[in-house]
């Protein structure tokens, strides 16, 4: 697993692209997941996610994945589970103070982030881990949140257009004056 983690940070740019594609797929599947019910889909998606991310990133399934912000290095692999940077005990050569044979998760995170297009996201402060989400699918949650944000933005655009159109009709009721209606002749019998 440790070698797979190192591989992931060395190829962070490729995994970043893969994650972006996965996010688009999850957003596209939102109507299907909504129809089936997110509660029903959670377990199978989390199972697949655990397998894939466990193999590639030694994922701990915290439910709040930040791999795309941490250079594809899972901060939950830190023995101290630090989410916002290394502790003060990083040994020479970038090795962990708790597990001297392991490179510091955050040293690897910085190396991975340097390879990523969105590598500057490593500077963002992450909220503490919500332990109630452990074992749940971060993929499903992220896709659902992104789809909701897109729906909200689309609906906001529509309501803005509707308000603007109504206002325009008040200011300028018609673009051309209406012609008089032709008189209606009664048919002869």
N, C-alpha and C. Protein backbone atom coordinates (compact mmCIF):
# COMPACT_ATOMS: atom_id res chain seq x y z
N UNK A 1 0.81 -1.19 0.00
CA UNK A 1 0.00 0.00 0.00
C UNK A 1 0.86 1.27 0.00
N UNK A 2 1.93 1.24 0.74
CA UNK A 2 2.80 2.41 0.84
C UNK A 2 3.37 2.77 -0.52
N UNK A 3 3.76 1.78 -1.30
CA UNK A 3 4.29 2.05 -2.65
C UNK A 3 3.22 2.63 -3.56
N UNK A 4 2.00 2.15 -3.41
CA UNK A 4 0.89 2.69 -4.21
C UNK A 4 0.67 4.17 -3.86
N UNK A 5 0.78 4.50 -2.57
CA UNK A 5 0.64 5.89 -2.14
C UNK A 5 1.69 6.77 -2.80
N UNK A 6 2.93 6.30 -2.81
CA UNK A 6 4.01 7.06 -3.42
C UNK A 6 3.79 7.20 -4.93
N UNK A 7 3.31 6.13 -5.55
CA UNK A 7 2.99 6.16 -6.98
C UNK A 7 1.92 7.23 -7.26
N UNK A 8 0.91 7.29 -6.41
CA UNK A 8 -0.19 8.25 -6.60
C UNK A 8 0.30 9.68 -6.53
N UNK A 9 1.19 9.98 -5.61
CA UNK A 9 1.69 11.36 -5.52
C UNK A 9 2.64 11.69 -6.67
N UNK A 10 3.38 10.69 -7.14
CA UNK A 10 4.27 10.92 -8.28
C UNK A 10 3.47 11.16 -9.56
N UNK A 11 2.28 10.61 -9.64
CA UNK A 11 1.43 10.75 -10.82
C UNK A 11 0.16 11.55 -10.49
N UNK A 12 0.32 12.53 -9.62
CA UNK A 12 -0.82 13.31 -9.13
C UNK A 12 -1.58 14.00 -10.25
N UNK A 13 -0.89 14.47 -11.25
CA UNK A 13 -1.54 15.18 -12.37
C UNK A 13 -2.52 14.25 -13.10
N UNK A 14 -2.12 13.03 -13.36
CA UNK A 14 -3.00 12.08 -14.03
C UNK A 14 -4.21 11.74 -13.15
N UNK A 15 -3.97 11.55 -11.87
CA UNK A 15 -5.07 11.26 -10.96
C UNK A 15 -6.00 12.46 -10.80
N UNK A 16 -5.47 13.66 -10.89
CA UNK A 16 -6.29 14.86 -10.84
C UNK A 16 -7.27 14.87 -12.02
N UNK A 17 -6.78 14.53 -13.19
CA UNK A 17 -7.65 14.44 -14.38
C UNK A 17 -8.70 13.36 -14.20
N UNK A 18 -8.29 12.23 -13.67
CA UNK A 18 -9.21 11.11 -13.44
C UNK A 18 -10.29 11.52 -12.44
N UNK A 19 -9.91 12.23 -11.40
CA UNK A 19 -10.88 12.71 -10.42
C UNK A 19 -11.87 13.69 -11.04
N UNK A 20 -11.39 14.58 -11.91
CA UNK A 20 -12.27 15.54 -12.58
C UNK A 20 -13.28 14.80 -13.45
N UNK A 21 -12.83 13.77 -14.15
CA UNK A 21 -13.73 12.96 -14.97
C UNK A 21 -14.76 12.24 -14.09
N UNK A 22 -14.29 11.67 -13.00
CA UNK A 22 -15.19 10.97 -12.08
C UNK A 22 -16.24 11.93 -11.52
N UNK A 23 -15.83 13.14 -11.20
CA UNK A 23 -16.78 14.12 -10.68
C UNK A 23 -17.86 14.44 -11.71
N UNK A 24 -17.46 14.60 -12.97
CA UNK A 24 -18.44 14.87 -14.03
C UNK A 24 -19.41 13.70 -14.18
N UNK A 25 -18.91 12.48 -14.06
CA UNK A 25 -19.78 11.30 -14.16
C UNK A 25 -20.77 11.27 -12.99
N UNK A 26 -20.28 11.55 -11.79
CA UNK A 26 -21.16 11.53 -10.61
C UNK A 26 -22.22 12.62 -10.70
N UNK A 27 -21.86 13.78 -11.23
CA UNK A 27 -22.84 14.86 -11.41
C UNK A 27 -23.86 14.46 -12.47
N UNK A 28 -23.39 13.85 -13.53
CA UNK A 28 -24.31 13.41 -14.60
C UNK A 28 -25.26 12.33 -14.11
N UNK A 29 -24.80 11.51 -13.16
CA UNK A 29 -25.64 10.43 -12.62
C UNK A 29 -26.57 10.90 -11.52
N UNK A 30 -26.49 12.16 -11.13
CA UNK A 30 -27.33 12.68 -10.04
C UNK A 30 -28.82 12.42 -10.26
N UNK A 31 -29.37 12.66 -11.44
CA UNK A 31 -30.81 12.36 -11.61
C UNK A 31 -31.14 10.89 -11.38
N UNK A 32 -30.26 10.00 -11.81
CA UNK A 32 -30.47 8.57 -11.61
C UNK A 32 -30.40 8.24 -10.12
N UNK A 33 -29.35 8.75 -9.46
CA UNK A 33 -29.19 8.50 -8.02
C UNK A 33 -30.36 9.08 -7.23
N UNK A 34 -30.85 10.24 -7.65
CA UNK A 34 -31.99 10.85 -6.95
C UNK A 34 -33.24 10.01 -7.11
N UNK A 35 -33.43 9.48 -8.29
CA UNK A 35 -34.61 8.66 -8.55
C UNK A 35 -34.55 7.35 -7.75
N UNK A 36 -33.38 6.73 -7.74
CA UNK A 36 -33.21 5.48 -6.99
C UNK A 36 -33.24 5.76 -5.49
N UNK A 37 -32.63 6.86 -5.12
CA UNK A 37 -32.51 7.23 -3.70
C UNK A 37 -31.05 7.13 -3.28
N UNK A 38 -30.53 8.23 -2.79
CA UNK A 38 -29.12 8.24 -2.40
C UNK A 38 -28.83 7.24 -1.27
N UNK A 39 -29.78 7.03 -0.40
CA UNK A 39 -29.58 6.07 0.70
C UNK A 39 -29.36 4.66 0.16
N UNK A 40 -30.05 4.32 -0.91
CA UNK A 40 -29.90 2.98 -1.50
C UNK A 40 -28.58 2.84 -2.26
N UNK A 41 -28.10 3.92 -2.83
CA UNK A 41 -26.90 3.88 -3.66
C UNK A 41 -25.63 4.00 -2.81
N UNK A 42 -25.76 4.57 -1.62
CA UNK A 42 -24.61 4.85 -0.77
C UNK A 42 -23.72 3.63 -0.54
N UNK A 43 -24.30 2.54 -0.15
CA UNK A 43 -23.51 1.36 0.22
C UNK A 43 -22.70 0.79 -0.94
N UNK A 44 -23.32 0.53 -2.10
CA UNK A 44 -22.52 -0.01 -3.20
C UNK A 44 -21.44 0.95 -3.71
N UNK A 45 -21.77 2.26 -3.76
CA UNK A 45 -20.78 3.23 -4.22
C UNK A 45 -19.63 3.31 -3.22
N UNK A 46 -19.94 3.32 -1.94
CA UNK A 46 -18.90 3.36 -0.90
C UNK A 46 -18.02 2.11 -0.97
N UNK A 47 -18.60 0.99 -1.30
CA UNK A 47 -17.82 -0.26 -1.42
C UNK A 47 -16.82 -0.16 -2.57
N UNK A 48 -17.27 0.33 -3.71
CA UNK A 48 -16.38 0.52 -4.87
C UNK A 48 -15.31 1.56 -4.53
N UNK A 49 -15.74 2.66 -3.92
CA UNK A 49 -14.80 3.71 -3.55
C UNK A 49 -13.73 3.19 -2.59
N UNK A 50 -14.14 2.41 -1.61
CA UNK A 50 -13.19 1.84 -0.65
C UNK A 50 -12.16 0.97 -1.36
N UNK A 51 -12.60 0.17 -2.31
CA UNK A 51 -11.68 -0.69 -3.04
C UNK A 51 -10.70 0.08 -3.90
N UNK A 52 -11.21 1.02 -4.67
CA UNK A 52 -10.36 1.79 -5.58
C UNK A 52 -9.40 2.69 -4.82
N UNK A 53 -9.95 3.50 -3.92
CA UNK A 53 -9.11 4.45 -3.19
C UNK A 53 -8.21 3.75 -2.17
N UNK A 54 -8.65 2.63 -1.66
CA UNK A 54 -7.80 1.88 -0.74
C UNK A 54 -6.58 1.34 -1.45
N UNK A 55 -6.77 0.85 -2.66
CA UNK A 55 -5.66 0.30 -3.45
C UNK A 55 -4.71 1.40 -3.91
N UNK A 56 -5.25 2.49 -4.42
CA UNK A 56 -4.41 3.54 -5.00
C UNK A 56 -3.82 4.53 -4.00
N UNK A 57 -4.58 4.86 -2.95
CA UNK A 57 -4.17 5.94 -2.05
C UNK A 57 -4.06 5.51 -0.59
N UNK A 58 -4.31 4.22 -0.32
CA UNK A 58 -4.35 3.72 1.05
C UNK A 58 -5.37 4.52 1.85
N UNK A 59 -6.52 4.72 1.24
CA UNK A 59 -7.60 5.55 1.78
C UNK A 59 -8.15 4.96 3.08
N UNK A 60 -8.52 5.84 4.00
CA UNK A 60 -9.10 5.45 5.28
C UNK A 60 -10.60 5.68 5.33
N UNK A 61 -11.19 6.10 4.20
CA UNK A 61 -12.64 6.32 4.08
C UNK A 61 -13.18 7.23 5.18
N UNK A 62 -12.59 8.41 5.28
CA UNK A 62 -13.05 9.39 6.27
C UNK A 62 -14.39 10.01 5.86
N UNK A 63 -14.74 9.88 4.58
CA UNK A 63 -16.00 10.44 4.09
C UNK A 63 -15.90 11.87 3.63
N UNK A 64 -14.72 12.46 3.77
CA UNK A 64 -14.51 13.86 3.38
C UNK A 64 -13.20 13.96 2.63
N UNK A 65 -13.13 13.33 1.49
CA UNK A 65 -11.89 13.20 0.73
C UNK A 65 -11.32 14.56 0.33
N UNK A 66 -10.03 14.71 0.58
CA UNK A 66 -9.33 15.95 0.20
C UNK A 66 -8.14 15.64 -0.69
N UNK A 67 -8.13 14.46 -1.31
CA UNK A 67 -7.02 14.06 -2.16
C UNK A 67 -6.70 15.10 -3.24
N UNK A 68 -7.73 15.68 -3.82
CA UNK A 68 -7.50 16.66 -4.89
C UNK A 68 -6.90 17.95 -4.36
N UNK A 69 -6.91 18.15 -3.06
CA UNK A 69 -6.29 19.32 -2.45
C UNK A 69 -4.92 19.02 -1.86
N UNK A 70 -4.64 17.76 -1.65
CA UNK A 70 -3.40 17.38 -0.96
C UNK A 70 -2.48 16.56 -1.84
N UNK A 71 -2.43 16.87 -3.10
CA UNK A 71 -1.49 16.21 -4.00
C UNK A 71 -1.67 14.71 -4.10
N UNK A 72 -2.90 14.23 -3.92
CA UNK A 72 -3.24 12.81 -3.97
C UNK A 72 -2.59 12.01 -2.84
N UNK A 73 -2.26 12.69 -1.76
CA UNK A 73 -1.72 12.04 -0.56
C UNK A 73 -2.77 12.17 0.53
N UNK A 74 -3.28 11.05 1.00
CA UNK A 74 -4.35 11.06 1.99
C UNK A 74 -3.80 11.47 3.36
N UNK A 75 -4.26 12.59 3.91
CA UNK A 75 -3.75 13.03 5.21
C UNK A 75 -4.16 12.11 6.35
N UNK A 76 -5.14 11.26 6.13
CA UNK A 76 -5.56 10.33 7.18
C UNK A 76 -4.52 9.22 7.38
N UNK A 77 -3.53 9.12 6.47
CA UNK A 77 -2.44 8.17 6.64
C UNK A 77 -1.38 8.69 7.60
N UNK A 78 -1.47 9.96 7.95
CA UNK A 78 -0.56 10.53 8.94
C UNK A 78 -0.88 9.85 10.28
N UNK A 79 0.12 9.36 11.00
CA UNK A 79 -0.16 8.74 12.30
C UNK A 79 -0.91 9.66 13.26
N UNK A 80 -0.74 10.96 13.08
CA UNK A 80 -1.44 11.94 13.92
C UNK A 80 -2.72 12.45 13.26
N UNK A 81 -2.98 12.00 12.04
CA UNK A 81 -4.16 12.37 11.25
C UNK A 81 -4.32 13.88 11.13
N UNK A 82 -3.23 14.56 10.82
CA UNK A 82 -3.24 16.01 10.64
C UNK A 82 -3.74 16.34 9.24
N UNK A 83 -4.72 17.22 9.15
CA UNK A 83 -5.34 17.55 7.85
C UNK A 83 -4.86 18.85 7.24
N UNK A 84 -4.06 19.62 7.94
CA UNK A 84 -3.67 20.93 7.42
C UNK A 84 -2.18 21.18 7.43
N UNK A 85 -1.40 20.16 7.30
CA UNK A 85 0.04 20.35 7.23
C UNK A 85 0.78 19.45 8.20
N UNK A 86 2.09 19.41 8.04
CA UNK A 86 2.89 18.49 8.86
C UNK A 86 3.03 18.99 10.30
N UNK A 87 3.34 18.06 11.16
CA UNK A 87 3.64 18.42 12.55
C UNK A 87 5.07 18.98 12.59
N UNK A 88 5.53 19.30 13.74
CA UNK A 88 6.87 19.85 13.86
C UNK A 88 7.96 18.80 13.94
N UNK A 89 7.60 17.55 13.73
CA UNK A 89 8.57 16.48 13.91
C UNK A 89 9.01 15.79 12.64
N UNK A 90 8.96 16.45 11.52
CA UNK A 90 9.41 15.83 10.27
C UNK A 90 10.92 15.66 10.35
N UNK A 91 11.37 14.45 10.13
CA UNK A 91 12.80 14.13 10.22
C UNK A 91 13.54 14.56 8.95
N UNK A 92 14.84 14.63 9.04
CA UNK A 92 15.63 14.94 7.83
C UNK A 92 15.31 13.96 6.71
N UNK A 93 15.24 14.47 5.51
CA UNK A 93 14.89 13.64 4.36
C UNK A 93 13.39 13.53 4.17
N UNK A 94 12.60 14.19 5.04
CA UNK A 94 11.15 14.18 4.90
C UNK A 94 10.47 12.97 5.49
N UNK A 95 11.09 12.32 6.47
CA UNK A 95 10.52 11.12 7.06
C UNK A 95 9.70 11.47 8.31
N UNK A 96 8.75 10.61 8.62
CA UNK A 96 7.81 10.78 9.73
C UNK A 96 8.52 10.56 11.07
N UNK A 97 8.15 11.35 12.07
CA UNK A 97 8.75 11.18 13.39
C UNK A 97 8.18 9.96 14.11
N UNK A 98 6.94 9.59 13.81
CA UNK A 98 6.31 8.44 14.47
C UNK A 98 6.71 7.14 13.79
N UNK A 99 6.71 7.14 12.47
CA UNK A 99 7.11 5.96 11.68
C UNK A 99 8.30 6.34 10.83
N UNK A 100 9.51 6.20 11.34
CA UNK A 100 10.71 6.68 10.65
C UNK A 100 10.95 6.06 9.26
N UNK A 101 10.39 4.90 8.98
CA UNK A 101 10.59 4.28 7.66
C UNK A 101 9.64 4.87 6.61
N UNK A 102 8.68 5.64 7.04
CA UNK A 102 7.67 6.21 6.14
C UNK A 102 7.97 7.69 5.90
N UNK A 103 7.84 8.10 4.63
CA UNK A 103 7.97 9.53 4.33
C UNK A 103 6.73 10.24 4.88
N UNK A 104 6.94 11.44 5.35
CA UNK A 104 5.83 12.24 5.90
C UNK A 104 4.74 12.40 4.84
N UNK A 105 3.51 12.16 5.24
CA UNK A 105 2.37 12.29 4.34
C UNK A 105 2.32 13.69 3.74
N UNK A 106 2.67 14.69 4.52
CA UNK A 106 2.59 16.07 4.05
C UNK A 106 3.75 16.45 3.15
N UNK A 107 4.89 15.83 3.31
CA UNK A 107 5.99 16.05 2.37
C UNK A 107 5.56 15.51 1.00
N UNK A 108 4.96 14.32 1.02
CA UNK A 108 4.44 13.74 -0.22
C UNK A 108 3.30 14.58 -0.79
N UNK A 109 2.46 15.13 0.08
CA UNK A 109 1.35 15.98 -0.38
C UNK A 109 1.88 17.20 -1.12
N UNK A 110 2.89 17.85 -0.58
CA UNK A 110 3.46 19.02 -1.24
C UNK A 110 4.09 18.65 -2.57
N UNK A 111 4.77 17.50 -2.62
CA UNK A 111 5.36 17.04 -3.88
C UNK A 111 4.28 16.76 -4.91
N UNK A 112 3.21 16.09 -4.49
CA UNK A 112 2.11 15.79 -5.40
C UNK A 112 1.40 17.05 -5.87
N UNK A 113 1.17 17.98 -4.94
CA UNK A 113 0.47 19.23 -5.29
C UNK A 113 1.28 20.05 -6.29
N UNK A 114 2.60 19.97 -6.21
CA UNK A 114 3.45 20.70 -7.16
C UNK A 114 3.26 20.17 -8.58
N UNK A 115 2.83 18.94 -8.72
CA UNK A 115 2.63 18.34 -10.04
C UNK A 115 1.23 18.60 -10.60
N UNK A 116 0.33 19.03 -9.75
CA UNK A 116 -1.07 19.19 -10.15
C UNK A 116 -1.35 20.59 -10.68
N UNK A 117 -2.31 20.68 -11.58
CA UNK A 117 -2.74 21.97 -12.10
C UNK A 117 -3.40 22.78 -10.98
N UNK A 118 -4.20 22.13 -10.15
CA UNK A 118 -4.86 22.80 -9.03
C UNK A 118 -4.06 22.66 -7.75
N UNK A 119 -2.75 22.62 -7.86
CA UNK A 119 -1.89 22.41 -6.70
C UNK A 119 -1.93 23.49 -5.66
N UNK A 120 -2.40 24.68 -6.02
CA UNK A 120 -2.46 25.76 -5.04
C UNK A 120 -3.56 25.53 -4.00
N UNK A 121 -4.42 24.55 -4.23
CA UNK A 121 -5.48 24.24 -3.27
C UNK A 121 -4.93 23.66 -1.97
N UNK A 122 -3.66 23.27 -1.97
CA UNK A 122 -3.06 22.75 -0.75
C UNK A 122 -2.96 23.83 0.32
N UNK A 123 -3.03 25.09 -0.08
CA UNK A 123 -2.96 26.21 0.85
C UNK A 123 -4.28 26.44 1.59
N UNK A 124 -5.37 25.86 1.11
CA UNK A 124 -6.67 26.03 1.75
C UNK A 124 -6.71 25.27 3.07
N UNK A 125 -7.26 25.90 4.09
CA UNK A 125 -7.39 25.26 5.40
C UNK A 125 -8.62 24.36 5.37
N UNK A 126 -8.42 23.10 5.73
CA UNK A 126 -9.50 22.12 5.72
C UNK A 126 -10.19 22.09 7.08
N UNK A 127 -11.50 21.89 7.08
CA UNK A 127 -12.19 21.76 8.38
C UNK A 127 -11.80 20.45 9.06
N UNK A 128 -12.01 20.36 10.35
CA UNK A 128 -11.70 19.11 11.04
C UNK A 128 -12.56 17.97 10.51
N UNK A 129 -12.10 16.77 10.71
CA UNK A 129 -12.82 15.59 10.23
C UNK A 129 -14.11 15.42 11.01
N UNK A 130 -15.19 15.21 10.28
CA UNK A 130 -16.48 14.89 10.89
C UNK A 130 -16.56 13.37 10.98
N UNK A 131 -16.37 12.85 12.14
CA UNK A 131 -16.29 11.39 12.34
C UNK A 131 -17.60 10.68 12.02
N UNK A 132 -18.70 11.41 11.97
CA UNK A 132 -19.98 10.76 11.64
C UNK A 132 -20.04 10.34 10.18
N UNK A 133 -19.15 10.87 9.35
CA UNK A 133 -19.16 10.54 7.92
C UNK A 133 -18.22 9.39 7.57
N UNK A 134 -17.48 8.86 8.54
CA UNK A 134 -16.54 7.78 8.26
C UNK A 134 -17.25 6.60 7.61
N UNK A 135 -16.63 6.07 6.58
CA UNK A 135 -17.17 4.92 5.87
C UNK A 135 -18.15 5.28 4.77
N UNK A 136 -18.58 6.53 4.70
CA UNK A 136 -19.52 6.93 3.66
C UNK A 136 -18.75 7.35 2.41
N UNK A 137 -19.46 7.45 1.31
CA UNK A 137 -18.85 7.76 0.03
C UNK A 137 -18.65 9.27 -0.15
N UNK A 138 -17.41 9.67 -0.24
CA UNK A 138 -17.09 11.07 -0.53
C UNK A 138 -17.40 11.37 -1.99
N UNK A 139 -17.25 10.40 -2.86
CA UNK A 139 -17.56 10.60 -4.28
C UNK A 139 -19.02 10.96 -4.44
N UNK A 140 -19.88 10.20 -3.80
CA UNK A 140 -21.31 10.42 -3.91
C UNK A 140 -21.69 11.78 -3.32
N UNK A 141 -21.14 12.12 -2.18
CA UNK A 141 -21.43 13.39 -1.54
C UNK A 141 -20.97 14.56 -2.40
N UNK A 142 -19.75 14.48 -2.92
CA UNK A 142 -19.21 15.56 -3.75
C UNK A 142 -20.03 15.73 -5.03
N UNK A 143 -20.40 14.62 -5.67
CA UNK A 143 -21.21 14.70 -6.88
C UNK A 143 -22.58 15.29 -6.61
N UNK A 144 -23.17 14.90 -5.50
CA UNK A 144 -24.49 15.41 -5.13
C UNK A 144 -24.43 16.91 -4.84
N UNK A 145 -23.41 17.34 -4.10
CA UNK A 145 -23.26 18.77 -3.78
C UNK A 145 -23.01 19.60 -5.03
N UNK A 146 -22.18 19.09 -5.92
CA UNK A 146 -21.87 19.81 -7.16
C UNK A 146 -23.12 19.91 -8.04
N UNK A 147 -23.88 18.82 -8.14
CA UNK A 147 -25.12 18.83 -8.93
C UNK A 147 -26.13 19.81 -8.35
N UNK A 148 -26.23 19.86 -7.03
CA UNK A 148 -27.16 20.80 -6.38
C UNK A 148 -26.73 22.23 -6.64
N UNK A 149 -25.43 22.50 -6.58
CA UNK A 149 -24.92 23.85 -6.85
C UNK A 149 -25.20 24.25 -8.30
N UNK A 150 -25.01 23.32 -9.23
CA UNK A 150 -25.30 23.61 -10.64
C UNK A 150 -26.78 23.88 -10.86
N UNK A 151 -27.64 23.08 -10.22
CA UNK A 151 -29.09 23.30 -10.32
C UNK A 151 -29.47 24.66 -9.76
N UNK A 152 -28.90 24.99 -8.62
CA UNK A 152 -29.19 26.27 -7.98
C UNK A 152 -28.76 27.44 -8.86
N UNK A 153 -27.58 27.34 -9.45
CA UNK A 153 -27.09 28.40 -10.34
C UNK A 153 -27.97 28.51 -11.58
N UNK A 154 -28.37 27.38 -12.13
CA UNK A 154 -29.24 27.39 -13.31
C UNK A 154 -30.59 28.00 -12.97
N UNK A 155 -31.17 27.61 -11.83
CA UNK A 155 -32.47 28.15 -11.42
C UNK A 155 -32.38 29.64 -11.10
N UNK A 156 -31.27 30.06 -10.51
CA UNK A 156 -31.08 31.48 -10.21
C UNK A 156 -31.01 32.27 -11.51
N UNK A 157 -30.34 31.72 -12.53
CA UNK A 157 -30.26 32.38 -13.83
C UNK A 157 -31.62 32.51 -14.47
N UNK A 158 -32.42 31.47 -14.34
CA UNK A 158 -33.77 31.51 -14.92
C UNK A 158 -34.65 32.54 -14.22
N UNK A 159 -34.59 32.58 -12.89
CA UNK A 159 -35.44 33.54 -12.18
C UNK A 159 -34.97 34.97 -12.42
N UNK A 160 -33.68 35.17 -12.59
CA UNK A 160 -33.16 36.50 -12.91
C UNK A 160 -33.68 36.94 -14.27
N UNK A 161 -33.68 36.02 -15.23
CA UNK A 161 -34.19 36.32 -16.57
C UNK A 161 -35.67 36.63 -16.51
N UNK A 162 -36.42 35.87 -15.73
CA UNK A 162 -37.86 36.10 -15.63
C UNK A 162 -38.15 37.46 -14.99
N UNK A 163 -37.39 37.81 -13.94
CA UNK A 163 -37.58 39.13 -13.31
C UNK A 163 -37.21 40.24 -14.28
N UNK A 164 -36.15 40.07 -15.01
CA UNK A 164 -35.72 41.09 -15.97
C UNK A 164 -36.75 41.25 -17.08
N UNK A 165 -37.32 40.15 -17.55
CA UNK A 165 -38.32 40.22 -18.62
C UNK A 165 -39.57 40.93 -18.13
N UNK A 166 -40.00 40.61 -16.91
CA UNK A 166 -41.19 41.26 -16.36
C UNK A 166 -40.96 42.76 -16.21
N UNK A 167 -39.77 43.13 -15.75
CA UNK A 167 -39.44 44.55 -15.63
C UNK A 167 -39.40 45.24 -16.97
N UNK A 168 -38.89 44.57 -17.97
CA UNK A 168 -38.81 45.14 -19.31
C UNK A 168 -40.22 45.33 -19.88
N UNK A 169 -41.13 44.43 -19.62
CA UNK A 169 -42.50 44.55 -20.13
C UNK A 169 -43.20 45.76 -19.52
N UNK A 170 -42.88 46.08 -18.26
CA UNK A 170 -43.49 47.25 -17.61
C UNK A 170 -42.95 48.52 -18.25
N UNK A 171 -41.64 48.55 -18.48
CA UNK A 171 -41.01 49.75 -19.04
C UNK A 171 -41.42 49.94 -20.49
N UNK A 172 -41.37 48.91 -21.25
CA UNK A 172 -41.66 48.96 -22.69
C UNK A 172 -42.68 47.88 -23.00
N UNK A 173 -43.97 48.17 -22.87
CA UNK A 173 -44.99 47.13 -23.00
C UNK A 173 -44.98 46.40 -24.33
N UNK A 174 -44.75 47.09 -25.41
CA UNK A 174 -44.69 46.42 -26.71
C UNK A 174 -43.59 47.05 -27.52
N UNK A 175 -43.11 46.32 -28.47
CA UNK A 175 -42.04 46.87 -29.30
C UNK A 175 -42.62 47.69 -30.45
N UNK A 176 -43.84 47.46 -30.82
CA UNK A 176 -44.49 48.22 -31.88
C UNK A 176 -45.95 48.44 -31.46
N UNK A 177 -46.53 49.55 -31.87
CA UNK A 177 -47.92 49.75 -31.49
C UNK A 177 -48.80 48.68 -32.13
N UNK A 178 -49.82 48.32 -31.39
CA UNK A 178 -50.74 47.31 -31.91
C UNK A 178 -51.64 47.92 -32.98
N UNK A 179 -51.88 47.17 -34.01
CA UNK A 179 -52.79 47.63 -35.07
C UNK A 179 -54.23 47.44 -34.61
N UNK A 180 -55.10 48.24 -35.16
CA UNK A 180 -56.51 48.08 -34.83
C UNK A 180 -56.98 46.74 -35.33
N UNK A 181 -57.86 46.16 -34.56
CA UNK A 181 -58.44 44.89 -34.94
C UNK A 181 -59.41 45.11 -36.11
N UNK A 182 -59.38 44.24 -37.10
CA UNK A 182 -60.34 44.41 -38.19
C UNK A 182 -61.75 44.12 -37.65
N UNK A 183 -62.70 44.84 -38.25
CA UNK A 183 -64.08 44.62 -37.81
C UNK A 183 -64.54 43.26 -38.31
N UNK A 184 -65.34 42.66 -37.52
CA UNK A 184 -65.86 41.33 -37.85
C UNK A 184 -67.19 41.50 -38.54
N UNK A 185 -67.30 40.98 -39.74
CA UNK A 185 -68.55 41.05 -40.48
C UNK A 185 -69.35 39.80 -40.22
N UNK A 186 -70.63 40.01 -40.09
CA UNK A 186 -71.48 38.85 -39.87
C UNK A 186 -71.77 38.20 -41.20
N UNK A 187 -71.76 36.90 -41.23
CA UNK A 187 -72.06 36.21 -42.49
C UNK A 187 -73.51 36.43 -42.92
N UNK A 188 -73.74 36.52 -44.23
CA UNK A 188 -75.10 36.69 -44.76
C UNK A 188 -75.76 35.37 -44.86
N UNK A 189 -77.07 35.39 -44.60
CA UNK A 189 -77.85 34.18 -44.72
C UNK A 189 -78.74 34.20 -45.89
